[in-house]
Structures are given as C-alpha cells and as structure tokens.
Amino acid sequence: MLVSCAQMQEAEAAAFAKGVSAGGIMLKVGRAMADTLVQRFPSPGTAVLYLGKGNNAGDALVVGIELAKLGWKILGRFSGDPSQLKPLPTEHLHTLDDDLSVLHSPPDLVEARRPILLIDGLLGIGAVGPMRSAVAELTAEINHLRKADHAQVIALDLPSGVDGNTGIPAPDAVEADITLTVGQIKKGLVEDTAIHHVGRLQVISVAELSDCAGDTAAAVLTPELLRPWMPRRAFDTHKGQAGRVAIIAGSRGLTGAADLASNAAVRGGAGLVTLHVPQEIYPILAARTAPEIMVRPERDLREVLDRPCDVIVIGPGIGFEQKDAVLHLLKVVTCPMIVDADALTILANSGSLPGLLTSPAGPRLLTPHPGEMARLVAAHEPTPHPTRRAQAETFVAEWGQPNVTLLLKGARTLIATIGQPTLFNSTGHPGMASGGMGDVLSGLLGALIGQGIPLHQAAGLGAWLSGRAAELAAQARHHEIGIAASDLPRHFGEALAEIG
C-alpha cells in the first residue's frame, strides 16, 4: 500500500487518540532505524546528525543515542537554534548530551573514522512549501559531502526536499543512499522523479500505525509482503517436484548469458535445469557449465517441445538467427514462459505482439529493460506515458489477460499484472549497472515459477532477491562498484533467509 502524507498523519492522530504514546513511537522508530543501520554498517564509524525543528530530528537523535552506545562518534548540525526543538526531540538531545559534538560549520571528514553516515533528520512529512534557506544550505552540504567524502546518506522517513506526495524534488533536495520510511510508504517515494533521491527504500514497520487508508493498487516489496509467497517444501519433495526449468539461451559470441541464466536457476532452487543451445556453441557450454546443469544441443529450437518442463526461459543471448523458431515457441507453448532479452526484440519486431499477448497459449512473463520496453511500446502504442507505472499498467491492460505479467527493469523495478497491485522493488544499487544482471534474473525467475509460484508473485520475489543478493555481494566486496552478475547467485540463500 502507498499513502499520502495526509493519510499517514491521520493514522498517527488516530493512534494517539487511542492512547498510543508519541514518545514511545519515537523511541521504537529511532531504535529500529539504528538497528537497521548497524546491520548494514557493523563497524562503528562517524555519524553526522542533521537536525531540523520537528519530530524528524527526534528520530535522528534516538538513532544517535543508540549508535553512541556502540562506539560511534556523533556530530550534530542544526538548522536553527537547538532551543527551538519540539519537546520530544529536546528530551533526546539532553539524553545524548556529552556524546554529541555540535558543529557550527561543515564537518571536516577527511580524518573521520569510517563508515561516515549523514543522517537526514531535517524535514518530515509535515513540511510544506519551499525549504527555508537554512535548511537548503544543509541539504546542499549533505549532497556535497556525499560526493566529496563518499559518505553514506540516510534519509529518515523521506529525503528532505522531496515532496512525499508527488515525488518532485526541490533544488538541492537530499540525495540519499538509503531511505528509512516510517509505518507506510509515502506515494511520492516511488515516483520516477524521486528515485535518485530515495536510493534503497526500507520500511520501518510500526504496528500502531498499521491502520491506515491508502492506495491498495500498488505496493512496495518487503520481506513481510514476500514471506507468504515463498512456499515451504514438503520433507519428501524430490527433484521432479522442485521445478523442471528449460532455458533456451546463447549463440555465437553470447555464451555467457546462457551460463549465467542456468546457474542462477540452480541457485534459485530449481530441481532440474536443462540448457538448450545451438549446436555450434554446445562444446563450449558443455565443457564449462556447472555440473548440475544438463546441456543439450539443438539444431532447431522447436525441438524443446519434445521434452517435458514446467517453465521455459527464452531469450538470454540467443541472437536473431532462429527468430522463426522463437516466435513459434511463443505462440504454442502452454507452460509458463519468461520472455527476455533477444526474444523480446524478436517479439517487438515481428508484428505479432497483439496476437501473441491477447490470447497467449500459456502464462507469459515479459522482462524488458527500458530500451526493450521502448521497442515493445513502439510496436503498438503511439502515445508516450508520463511515468513508468502508467506505461507498465497501460501495457498489460492493453491485452486484457491476467496471465500476461510485465517486469519492467530499472533502478526501481516494477511489476504489473491485470487485477494485481503494481509492485515496486526496494532493493539493489548502482553497481548492478553491469552486463549479465538480466540473465541472472531470468534464471532465478525460472526457478521460482518452476516451483509453482504464480507469475506476479514470482516476479516480485525474483526482483527483490536479485537486488538484495547484489547488496550482499557489495557488502562482501566492501563496495558496490565492481560486482559481477556471477556474484549474485551465491548470495541467493542469504537473501532468502531474510524473507524467512
């Protein structure tokens, strides 16, 4: 569910009217935020608290109190006179007391102990109108330090300067690496205009604020949402029941895509993975592919129809030499198909898009990146759409088919299916801007669908798991830049453990 700022404020007011303590919620929220940060940054470093006048500053001060207990150095920058803080933040300011070094000029972080966290507690959902000059100076300072000192920016509830309803950023709006939003997700945080400012989006759940009106036609992927979608296996499950995944991938010069997709399917839990490749690249892949994967040479890709499977992944690196066979398979295969990469381009250029999606022979999950989506849209829609959400929802509505699902890749991957809430992913980082990530996702999706998970839910699980695996890979390597697509599958298990 997505909510407006007013709806969130109404939920807070209703909770307080029932006797819920505002101070108790602030403590709970601040401590949960600190726990989240310690999990991500386990070694004590330096935290700079940027404090406005409102209760957002109180959340930041509680975070500071908890981090100080663990040995973090805490610095503070105020947007005004500290004596003007509201009563609750003032209490926490007194508690932090000697552990807080108040700065009256930008911090010199050259010698600061790392990691360096810049905690944005300047503005919350109650802020209206343009930022005051004193606040704007601090948001500009945060953004400068993020770039100059490679500090990590943590926005509390929403990045200061970003409208929580529209997602429109003010000049010098905070550019966060992580946004810890409280209770419910404000609808502006998933708008296209906010993506760069929000960064990794994580929800701090507050049971007392769960009774809230909002947009139930959309949701952000969280472990809590995903948990019921991941089935538990019976103790006597055998490999034939864990999903038979057929992957049609690879061509001359593009063998890596086949390797990545098939390995991801194995690590994603598929019972049996068969990789179908053109004859000319069979010796290459048969020699280097993981031993768990069965590799079959095919003179014609239509030969795949002769072998049983529960799901087909088609497209990674297949090229365009067998486009007629690809279109035939898209037309006649009755089991679920994940259509990716070159298969999407073949589909977009074929003129057969309406026929294949208006009455598909079986469930279809299309997984385009923005360029592939542009080609699909150009094939049948002359009018551009103002947002990615509108584009995705219009695309699936065009076919009127609940068994056609679209996973539109991007920094905030989204999933659309008729009759289902549009899903926004919350995991991942810029280090995923690297070749092969889509191939890994396709293989993982094949494994999930092969285990009997419906397409819409499998798409949500796959998007979240691949993004979280990338985050874990970055933590293992101590930086997000330089991770490879082949790093992700080894972290699928850790990511799954967070779902439960």
Protein backbone atom coordinates (compact mmCIF):
# COMPACT_ATOMS: atom_id res chain seq x y z
CA MET A 1 0.00 0.00 0.00
CA LEU A 2 1.11 3.57 -0.74
CA VAL A 3 -0.14 6.50 1.32
CA SER A 4 -0.24 10.26 1.08
CA CYS A 5 1.38 12.36 3.78
CA ALA A 6 -2.09 13.41 4.98
CA GLN A 7 -3.20 9.78 5.29
CA MET A 8 -0.09 8.97 7.32
CA GLN A 9 -0.73 11.94 9.60
CA GLU A 10 -4.34 10.82 10.07
CA ALA A 11 -3.13 7.34 11.08
CA GLU A 12 -0.76 8.90 13.60
CA ALA A 13 -3.50 11.13 15.01
CA ALA A 14 -5.88 8.16 15.32
CA ALA A 15 -3.23 6.14 17.15
CA PHE A 16 -2.51 8.97 19.58
CA ALA A 17 -6.25 9.42 20.19
CA LYS A 18 -6.38 5.77 21.29
CA GLY A 19 -3.69 6.41 23.87
CA VAL A 20 -0.60 5.43 21.91
CA SER A 21 2.37 7.41 23.19
CA ALA A 22 4.07 9.66 20.65
CA GLY A 23 7.24 9.41 22.71
CA GLY A 24 7.01 5.63 22.73
CA ILE A 25 6.67 5.50 18.95
CA MET A 26 9.63 7.85 18.51
CA LEU A 27 11.80 5.60 20.68
CA LYS A 28 10.64 2.46 18.85
CA VAL A 29 11.20 4.02 15.42
CA GLY A 30 14.59 5.52 16.25
CA ARG A 31 15.86 2.29 17.78
CA ALA A 32 14.62 0.25 14.80
CA MET A 33 16.38 2.68 12.46
CA ALA A 34 19.60 2.33 14.45
CA ASP A 35 19.33 -1.48 14.39
CA THR A 36 18.89 -1.38 10.61
CA LEU A 37 21.98 0.79 10.19
CA VAL A 38 24.10 -1.37 12.50
CA GLN A 39 23.16 -4.47 10.48
CA ARG A 40 24.33 -2.71 7.33
CA PHE A 41 27.33 -0.94 8.90
CA PRO A 42 28.51 -3.22 11.74
CA SER A 43 31.79 -1.41 12.47
CA PRO A 44 31.43 1.84 14.48
CA GLY A 45 32.25 4.94 12.49
CA THR A 46 31.13 8.57 12.36
CA ALA A 47 27.53 9.76 12.21
CA VAL A 48 26.60 13.37 11.48
CA LEU A 49 23.05 14.18 12.57
CA TYR A 50 21.35 16.89 10.51
CA LEU A 51 18.58 18.21 12.71
CA GLY A 52 15.55 20.34 11.90
CA LYS A 53 13.00 21.65 14.36
CA GLY A 54 10.41 18.87 14.18
CA ASN A 55 9.96 15.31 15.32
CA ASN A 56 12.12 14.04 12.48
CA ALA A 57 15.01 15.47 14.47
CA GLY A 58 13.81 13.38 17.43
CA ASP A 59 14.10 10.19 15.35
CA ALA A 60 17.62 11.22 14.32
CA LEU A 61 18.62 11.93 17.93
CA VAL A 62 17.38 8.50 19.07
CA VAL A 63 19.47 6.97 16.27
CA GLY A 64 22.43 8.96 17.57
CA ILE A 65 21.86 7.77 21.14
CA GLU A 66 21.82 4.13 20.07
CA LEU A 67 24.87 4.47 17.81
CA ALA A 68 26.82 6.28 20.55
CA LYS A 69 26.26 3.30 22.87
CA LEU A 70 28.06 1.15 20.30
CA GLY A 71 31.08 3.41 19.99
CA TRP A 72 30.11 5.65 17.08
CA LYS A 73 31.31 9.25 17.07
CA ILE A 74 28.26 11.53 16.87
CA LEU A 75 28.37 15.02 15.36
CA GLY A 76 25.42 17.40 15.04
CA ARG A 77 24.37 20.14 12.63
CA PHE A 78 21.25 22.19 13.49
CA SER A 79 19.12 24.16 11.02
CA GLY A 80 18.30 26.66 13.79
CA ASP A 81 18.65 27.32 17.48
CA PRO A 82 18.53 23.99 19.38
CA SER A 83 16.33 25.67 21.97
CA GLN A 84 13.57 25.79 19.32
CA LEU A 85 13.31 21.99 19.09
CA LYS A 86 9.96 20.44 19.95
CA PRO A 87 9.63 18.87 23.43
CA LEU A 88 10.27 15.22 22.43
CA PRO A 89 13.42 15.93 20.41
CA THR A 90 14.61 18.18 23.23
CA GLU A 91 14.38 15.25 25.67
CA HIS A 92 16.55 13.11 23.40
CA LEU A 93 19.00 15.95 22.85
CA HIS A 94 19.52 16.11 26.62
CA THR A 95 19.97 12.32 26.73
CA LEU A 96 22.63 12.39 24.01
CA ASP A 97 24.29 15.30 25.82
CA ASP A 98 28.07 14.82 26.06
CA ASP A 99 28.11 12.21 23.26
CA LEU A 100 27.10 14.90 20.74
CA SER A 101 29.63 17.32 19.29
CA VAL A 102 27.68 20.28 17.89
CA LEU A 103 29.21 21.81 14.78
CA HIS A 104 28.64 25.37 13.57
CA SER A 105 30.31 24.82 10.20
CA PRO A 106 30.52 21.90 7.75
CA PRO A 107 32.36 18.90 9.21
CA ASP A 108 35.89 18.07 8.10
CA LEU A 109 35.57 14.36 7.38
CA VAL A 110 38.98 13.73 5.84
CA GLU A 111 40.29 12.06 9.02
CA ALA A 112 36.90 10.82 10.24
CA ARG A 113 36.53 7.18 11.18
CA ARG A 114 34.63 5.28 8.52
CA PRO A 115 31.93 4.45 7.67
CA ILE A 116 30.59 8.00 7.61
CA LEU A 117 26.81 8.33 7.86
CA LEU A 118 24.99 11.59 7.21
CA ILE A 119 21.62 11.24 8.97
CA ASP A 120 18.97 13.45 7.38
CA GLY A 121 16.54 14.45 10.13
CA LEU A 122 15.78 17.90 8.73
CA LEU A 123 12.26 17.65 7.32
CA GLY A 124 9.42 15.17 7.71
CA ILE A 125 6.01 14.64 6.15
CA GLY A 126 4.64 17.78 7.82
CA ALA A 127 6.91 20.10 5.84
CA VAL A 128 5.10 22.31 3.30
CA GLY A 129 6.31 24.92 0.85
CA PRO A 130 9.87 25.70 -0.22
CA MET A 131 12.74 24.82 2.09
CA ARG A 132 13.97 27.59 4.36
CA SER A 133 17.37 28.90 3.34
CA ALA A 134 18.99 27.46 6.49
CA VAL A 135 17.62 24.00 5.65
CA ALA A 136 18.54 24.29 1.97
CA GLU A 137 22.13 25.14 2.94
CA LEU A 138 22.33 21.94 4.98
CA THR A 139 20.79 19.74 2.28
CA ALA A 140 23.34 21.14 -0.20
CA GLU A 141 26.06 20.39 2.38
CA ILE A 142 24.86 16.79 2.72
CA ASN A 143 24.95 16.29 -1.05
CA HIS A 144 28.41 17.83 -1.29
CA LEU A 145 29.83 15.60 1.47
CA ARG A 146 28.25 12.55 -0.12
CA LYS A 147 30.22 13.21 -3.29
CA ALA A 148 33.41 14.68 -1.83
CA ASP A 149 33.88 12.28 1.08
CA HIS A 150 31.91 9.26 -0.19
CA ALA A 151 29.70 9.45 2.90
CA GLN A 152 26.52 7.39 3.08
CA VAL A 153 23.37 9.48 3.30
CA ILE A 154 20.50 8.07 5.37
CA ALA A 155 17.14 9.84 5.00
CA LEU A 156 14.68 9.36 7.84
CA ASP A 157 11.10 8.90 6.60
CA LEU A 158 11.79 10.82 3.38
CA PRO A 159 14.70 12.78 1.89
CA SER A 160 14.45 16.43 2.87
CA GLY A 161 13.26 18.48 -0.08
CA VAL A 162 11.39 15.63 -1.80
CA ASP A 163 7.60 16.03 -1.82
CA GLY A 164 6.17 12.95 -0.13
CA ASN A 165 3.03 13.12 -2.27
CA THR A 166 4.34 13.92 -5.74
CA GLY A 167 7.97 12.83 -5.54
CA ILE A 168 9.07 16.13 -7.05
CA PRO A 169 12.44 17.20 -5.60
CA ALA A 170 13.28 20.77 -4.69
CA PRO A 171 16.60 22.21 -5.80
CA ASP A 172 19.27 20.74 -3.51
CA ALA A 173 16.89 18.05 -2.21
CA VAL A 174 18.83 15.42 -0.31
CA GLU A 175 20.27 12.60 -2.42
CA ALA A 176 20.01 9.60 -0.08
CA ASP A 177 21.67 6.22 -0.39
CA ILE A 178 19.06 4.69 1.92
CA THR A 179 15.64 6.00 2.95
CA LEU A 180 14.13 4.51 6.11
CA THR A 181 10.45 5.36 5.81
CA VAL A 182 8.18 5.01 8.82
CA GLY A 183 4.95 3.00 9.08
CA GLN A 184 3.72 3.12 5.50
CA ILE A 185 5.41 4.08 2.23
CA LYS A 186 4.63 7.59 1.07
CA LYS A 187 3.50 7.51 -2.52
CA GLY A 188 5.95 10.16 -3.69
CA LEU A 189 8.91 7.96 -2.77
CA VAL A 190 8.30 5.56 -5.69
CA GLU A 191 7.72 8.23 -8.33
CA ASP A 192 10.24 8.35 -11.16
CA THR A 193 11.38 11.84 -10.14
CA ALA A 194 12.29 10.64 -6.63
CA ILE A 195 14.31 7.51 -7.45
CA HIS A 196 17.73 9.20 -7.42
CA HIS A 197 16.94 10.97 -4.14
CA VAL A 198 15.42 7.99 -2.29
CA GLY A 199 18.01 5.31 -3.06
CA ARG A 200 17.46 1.99 -1.29
CA LEU A 201 13.96 2.10 0.24
CA GLN A 202 13.32 0.29 3.51
CA VAL A 203 10.23 0.33 5.71
CA ILE A 204 10.40 0.70 9.47
CA SER A 205 7.25 -1.16 10.50
CA VAL A 206 5.16 0.29 13.32
CA ALA A 207 2.23 -1.89 14.39
CA GLU A 208 0.46 1.08 15.99
CA LEU A 209 0.36 2.85 12.61
CA SER A 210 -0.81 -0.10 10.50
CA ASP A 211 -4.44 1.05 10.38
CA CYS A 212 -4.05 3.50 7.54
CA ALA A 213 -6.02 4.30 4.39
CA GLY A 214 -4.08 4.34 1.13
CA ASP A 215 -3.60 3.17 -2.44
CA THR A 216 -4.02 -0.61 -2.34
CA ALA A 217 -3.48 -0.84 -6.12
CA ALA A 218 0.26 -0.57 -5.52
CA ALA A 219 2.78 -1.97 -3.03
CA VAL A 220 6.49 -1.88 -2.33
CA LEU A 221 8.25 -5.22 -1.98
CA THR A 222 9.36 -6.01 1.56
CA PRO A 223 10.26 -9.27 3.31
CA GLU A 224 6.95 -9.11 5.17
CA LEU A 225 4.98 -8.90 1.92
CA LEU A 226 7.05 -11.60 0.22
CA ARG A 227 7.11 -14.14 3.05
CA PRO A 228 3.70 -15.76 2.33
CA TRP A 229 4.58 -16.06 -1.37
CA MET A 230 7.59 -18.34 -0.82
CA PRO A 231 6.29 -21.89 -0.31
CA ARG A 232 7.74 -24.33 2.19
CA ARG A 233 8.71 -27.66 0.66
CA ALA A 234 7.35 -30.93 1.90
CA PHE A 235 10.04 -33.04 3.54
CA ASP A 236 9.70 -35.75 0.90
CA THR A 237 9.94 -33.40 -2.10
CA HIS A 238 12.06 -34.81 -4.95
CA LYS A 239 13.81 -33.04 -7.81
CA GLY A 240 10.98 -33.68 -10.27
CA GLN A 241 8.65 -31.74 -7.98
CA ALA A 242 11.03 -28.82 -7.40
CA GLY A 243 10.67 -27.45 -10.92
CA ARG A 244 11.94 -28.59 -14.31
CA VAL A 245 13.36 -25.45 -15.91
CA ALA A 246 14.20 -25.32 -19.62
CA ILE A 247 16.46 -22.44 -20.64
CA ILE A 248 16.81 -21.51 -24.31
CA ALA A 249 19.81 -19.24 -24.45
CA GLY A 250 23.15 -18.49 -26.02
CA SER A 251 24.56 -18.02 -29.50
CA ARG A 252 27.94 -17.46 -31.09
CA GLY A 253 29.71 -14.76 -29.04
CA LEU A 254 27.00 -14.74 -26.35
CA THR A 255 27.63 -17.94 -24.44
CA GLY A 256 27.97 -16.14 -21.11
CA ALA A 257 24.26 -15.28 -20.99
CA ALA A 258 23.35 -18.97 -21.13
CA ASP A 259 25.84 -19.78 -18.39
CA LEU A 260 24.57 -17.01 -16.09
CA ALA A 261 20.88 -17.83 -16.52
CA SER A 262 21.28 -21.58 -15.98
CA ASN A 263 23.49 -21.19 -12.91
CA ALA A 264 21.00 -18.72 -11.41
CA ALA A 265 18.21 -21.25 -11.92
CA VAL A 266 20.16 -23.87 -9.99
CA ARG A 267 20.94 -21.46 -7.15
CA GLY A 268 17.33 -20.29 -7.20
CA GLY A 269 16.17 -23.76 -6.18
CA ALA A 270 15.16 -25.43 -9.45
CA GLY A 271 15.00 -29.22 -9.23
CA LEU A 272 16.24 -29.85 -12.78
CA VAL A 273 17.78 -27.34 -15.18
CA THR A 274 18.23 -28.09 -18.87
CA LEU A 275 20.09 -25.62 -21.05
CA HIS A 276 19.13 -25.80 -24.74
CA VAL A 277 21.72 -24.22 -27.01
CA PRO A 278 22.53 -24.07 -30.74
CA GLN A 279 24.77 -26.91 -31.87
CA GLU A 280 27.72 -24.65 -32.71
CA ILE A 281 28.19 -23.50 -29.11
CA TYR A 282 27.38 -26.80 -27.44
CA PRO A 283 31.04 -27.85 -26.95
CA ILE A 284 31.83 -24.56 -25.19
CA LEU A 285 28.96 -24.70 -22.74
CA ALA A 286 29.08 -28.44 -22.16
CA ALA A 287 32.70 -28.06 -21.08
CA ARG A 288 32.28 -25.15 -18.67
CA THR A 289 28.71 -25.12 -17.37
CA ALA A 290 28.12 -26.20 -13.77
CA PRO A 291 27.78 -30.00 -13.40
CA GLU A 292 24.21 -29.71 -12.12
CA ILE A 293 23.06 -28.36 -15.50
CA MET A 294 22.12 -30.61 -18.42
CA VAL A 295 23.24 -29.07 -21.71
CA ARG A 296 21.52 -30.15 -24.94
CA PRO A 297 22.50 -29.15 -28.50
CA GLU A 298 19.55 -28.21 -30.70
CA ARG A 299 19.55 -27.92 -34.49
CA ASP A 300 16.18 -26.19 -34.24
CA LEU A 301 14.94 -24.60 -31.01
CA ARG A 302 11.49 -26.05 -31.65
CA GLU A 303 12.92 -29.40 -30.57
CA VAL A 304 12.48 -28.17 -26.99
CA LEU A 305 8.78 -29.03 -27.38
CA ASP A 306 9.68 -32.72 -27.37
CA ARG A 307 10.90 -32.64 -23.76
CA PRO A 308 8.83 -32.12 -20.60
CA CYS A 309 9.32 -29.00 -18.50
CA ASP A 310 7.41 -26.80 -16.05
CA VAL A 311 8.67 -23.43 -17.27
CA ILE A 312 10.72 -22.10 -20.19
CA VAL A 313 13.16 -19.18 -20.05
CA ILE A 314 13.79 -17.88 -23.56
CA GLY A 315 15.98 -15.07 -24.81
CA PRO A 316 19.29 -14.54 -22.98
CA GLY A 317 21.93 -14.22 -25.68
CA ILE A 318 20.02 -16.22 -28.31
CA GLY A 319 20.60 -13.71 -31.10
CA PHE A 320 18.29 -13.46 -34.10
CA GLU A 321 19.22 -16.36 -36.36
CA GLN A 322 16.31 -18.54 -35.16
CA LYS A 323 13.66 -15.85 -34.86
CA ASP A 324 11.01 -18.01 -36.58
CA ALA A 325 11.55 -20.77 -34.03
CA VAL A 326 11.34 -18.26 -31.18
CA LEU A 327 8.04 -16.87 -32.45
CA HIS A 328 6.67 -20.38 -32.91
CA LEU A 329 7.52 -21.27 -29.32
CA LEU A 330 5.93 -18.04 -28.05
CA LYS A 331 2.80 -18.97 -29.96
CA VAL A 332 2.35 -22.62 -28.99
CA VAL A 333 3.99 -23.30 -25.61
CA THR A 334 1.34 -23.85 -22.96
CA CYS A 335 3.54 -23.81 -19.86
CA PRO A 336 4.74 -20.50 -18.34
CA MET A 337 7.40 -18.67 -20.34
CA ILE A 338 9.82 -15.96 -19.28
CA VAL A 339 10.50 -13.83 -22.34
CA ASP A 340 13.73 -11.87 -22.04
CA ALA A 341 16.48 -10.11 -23.97
CA ASP A 342 16.70 -11.03 -27.67
CA ALA A 343 13.34 -12.84 -27.56
CA LEU A 344 11.72 -9.52 -26.59
CA THR A 345 13.31 -7.77 -29.55
CA ILE A 346 12.17 -10.56 -31.87
CA LEU A 347 8.66 -10.20 -30.45
CA ALA A 348 8.65 -6.41 -30.80
CA ASN A 349 9.85 -6.53 -34.42
CA SER A 350 7.59 -9.36 -35.50
CA GLY A 351 4.27 -7.58 -35.87
CA SER A 352 2.82 -10.49 -33.88
CA LEU A 353 2.75 -8.77 -30.49
CA PRO A 354 -1.03 -8.24 -30.28
CA GLY A 355 -1.88 -11.77 -31.32
CA LEU A 356 0.64 -13.42 -29.02
CA LEU A 357 -0.40 -11.43 -25.94
CA THR A 358 -4.15 -11.02 -26.46
CA SER A 359 -4.66 -14.78 -26.45
CA PRO A 360 -1.41 -16.41 -25.29
CA ALA A 361 -1.18 -20.20 -25.25
CA GLY A 362 0.08 -20.05 -21.66
CA PRO A 363 1.25 -17.63 -18.95
CA ARG A 364 3.85 -15.12 -20.14
CA LEU A 365 6.28 -13.01 -18.08
CA LEU A 366 7.99 -10.29 -20.11
CA THR A 367 11.14 -8.82 -18.53
CA PRO A 368 12.29 -5.81 -20.60
CA HIS A 369 14.85 -3.21 -19.67
CA PRO A 370 13.91 0.38 -20.67
CA GLY A 371 15.31 0.04 -24.21
CA GLU A 372 13.45 -3.21 -24.85
CA MET A 373 10.31 -1.70 -23.34
CA ALA A 374 10.58 1.23 -25.73
CA ARG A 375 10.65 -1.20 -28.65
CA LEU A 376 7.65 -3.13 -27.33
CA VAL A 377 5.67 0.06 -26.82
CA ALA A 378 6.66 1.46 -30.20
CA ALA A 379 5.27 -1.69 -31.80
CA HIS A 380 1.70 -0.80 -30.82
CA GLU A 381 1.41 2.45 -28.79
CA PRO A 382 1.97 5.81 -30.49
CA THR A 383 1.36 7.87 -27.30
CA PRO A 384 4.09 8.02 -24.65
CA HIS A 385 3.19 7.76 -20.97
CA PRO A 386 4.22 10.24 -18.27
CA THR A 387 5.53 7.65 -15.80
CA ARG A 388 6.94 4.14 -15.80
CA ARG A 389 3.99 2.98 -13.68
CA ALA A 390 1.49 4.35 -16.20
CA GLN A 391 3.45 2.76 -19.04
CA ALA A 392 3.53 -0.65 -17.38
CA GLU A 393 -0.11 -0.65 -16.30
CA THR A 394 -1.29 0.52 -19.71
CA PHE A 395 0.80 -2.15 -21.43
CA VAL A 396 -0.74 -5.06 -19.51
CA ALA A 397 -4.23 -3.55 -19.69
CA GLU A 398 -3.92 -3.50 -23.47
CA TRP A 399 -4.13 -7.29 -23.65
CA GLY A 400 -6.83 -7.84 -21.04
CA GLN A 401 -5.05 -11.03 -19.97
CA PRO A 402 -4.36 -11.80 -16.29
CA ASN A 403 -1.75 -14.36 -17.38
CA VAL A 404 0.47 -11.70 -19.01
CA THR A 405 2.84 -10.12 -16.48
CA LEU A 406 5.33 -7.34 -17.13
CA LEU A 407 8.51 -6.89 -15.12
CA LEU A 408 9.96 -3.53 -16.15
CA LYS A 409 13.59 -3.37 -15.07
CA GLY A 410 15.23 -0.27 -13.70
CA ALA A 411 16.54 1.36 -10.55
CA ARG A 412 13.04 0.84 -9.14
CA THR A 413 11.94 -2.31 -11.00
CA LEU A 414 8.18 -2.62 -11.15
CA ILE A 415 5.78 -5.46 -11.89
CA ALA A 416 2.32 -5.12 -13.41
CA THR A 417 -0.45 -7.67 -13.99
CA ILE A 418 -4.15 -7.06 -14.55
CA GLY A 419 -6.11 -7.48 -11.32
CA GLN A 420 -2.98 -7.37 -9.13
CA PRO A 421 -1.34 -4.48 -7.26
CA THR A 422 1.55 -2.93 -9.14
CA LEU A 423 4.73 -3.89 -7.29
CA PHE A 424 7.76 -1.63 -6.79
CA ASN A 425 11.08 -3.21 -5.88
CA SER A 426 13.05 -1.77 -2.97
CA THR A 427 16.44 -3.50 -3.30
CA GLY A 428 19.53 -3.11 -5.46
CA HIS A 429 22.18 -0.45 -6.09
CA PRO A 430 24.01 1.30 -8.96
CA GLY A 431 26.66 -1.43 -9.06
CA MET A 432 24.05 -3.54 -10.84
CA ALA A 433 24.56 -1.40 -13.94
CA SER A 434 26.63 -4.23 -15.37
CA GLY A 435 26.19 -6.81 -18.10
CA GLY A 436 24.53 -10.12 -17.27
CA MET A 437 22.30 -8.97 -14.40
CA GLY A 438 19.19 -9.55 -16.50
CA ASP A 439 20.32 -13.06 -17.43
CA VAL A 440 20.71 -13.93 -13.75
CA LEU A 441 17.26 -12.54 -13.00
CA SER A 442 15.70 -14.61 -15.80
CA GLY A 443 17.22 -17.83 -14.49
CA LEU A 444 16.09 -17.04 -10.95
CA LEU A 445 12.55 -16.29 -12.18
CA GLY A 446 12.52 -19.64 -13.97
CA ALA A 447 13.43 -21.43 -10.74
CA LEU A 448 10.69 -19.63 -8.77
CA ILE A 449 7.96 -20.22 -11.35
CA GLY A 450 9.09 -23.82 -11.74
CA GLN A 451 8.36 -24.31 -8.05
CA GLY A 452 4.73 -23.39 -8.67
CA ILE A 453 4.75 -19.74 -7.66
CA PRO A 454 2.33 -17.61 -9.76
CA LEU A 455 3.98 -15.24 -12.22
CA HIS A 456 3.13 -11.96 -10.46
CA GLN A 457 4.39 -13.17 -7.11
CA ALA A 458 7.43 -14.89 -8.62
CA ALA A 459 8.34 -11.65 -10.41
CA GLY A 460 8.19 -9.76 -7.11
CA LEU A 461 10.27 -12.38 -5.34
CA GLY A 462 12.82 -12.50 -8.13
CA ALA A 463 13.25 -8.74 -8.34
CA TRP A 464 13.68 -8.37 -4.57
CA LEU A 465 16.00 -11.38 -4.22
CA SER A 466 18.31 -10.38 -7.06
CA GLY A 467 18.58 -6.82 -5.74
CA ARG A 468 19.21 -8.00 -2.19
CA ALA A 469 21.80 -10.53 -3.42
CA ALA A 470 23.57 -7.65 -5.16
CA GLU A 471 23.58 -5.69 -1.90
CA LEU A 472 25.04 -8.66 -0.04
CA ALA A 473 27.66 -9.12 -2.76
CA ALA A 474 28.63 -5.46 -2.38
CA GLN A 475 28.97 -5.87 1.39
CA ALA A 476 31.20 -8.92 0.89
CA ARG A 477 33.41 -6.95 -1.51
CA HIS A 478 33.20 -3.76 0.62
CA HIS A 479 31.94 -1.73 -2.34
CA GLU A 480 29.10 -1.85 -4.82
CA ILE A 481 31.26 -0.98 -7.82
CA GLY A 482 32.90 -3.99 -9.42
CA ILE A 483 30.40 -6.70 -8.51
CA ALA A 484 29.67 -9.06 -11.38
CA ALA A 485 26.42 -10.76 -12.32
CA SER A 486 28.03 -14.10 -11.49
CA ASP A 487 28.50 -12.88 -7.89
CA LEU A 488 24.75 -12.75 -7.24
CA PRO A 489 23.65 -16.42 -7.19
CA ARG A 490 25.98 -17.35 -4.32
CA HIS A 491 24.06 -14.83 -2.16
CA PHE A 492 20.53 -16.02 -3.04
CA GLY A 493 20.46 -18.19 0.08
CA GLU A 494 21.29 -15.28 2.38
CA ALA A 495 18.64 -13.15 0.72
CA LEU A 496 16.05 -15.92 1.02
CA ALA A 497 16.86 -16.27 4.71
CA GLU A 498 15.78 -12.65 5.23
CA ILE A 499 12.36 -13.47 3.80
CA GLY A 500 12.09 -16.44 6.13
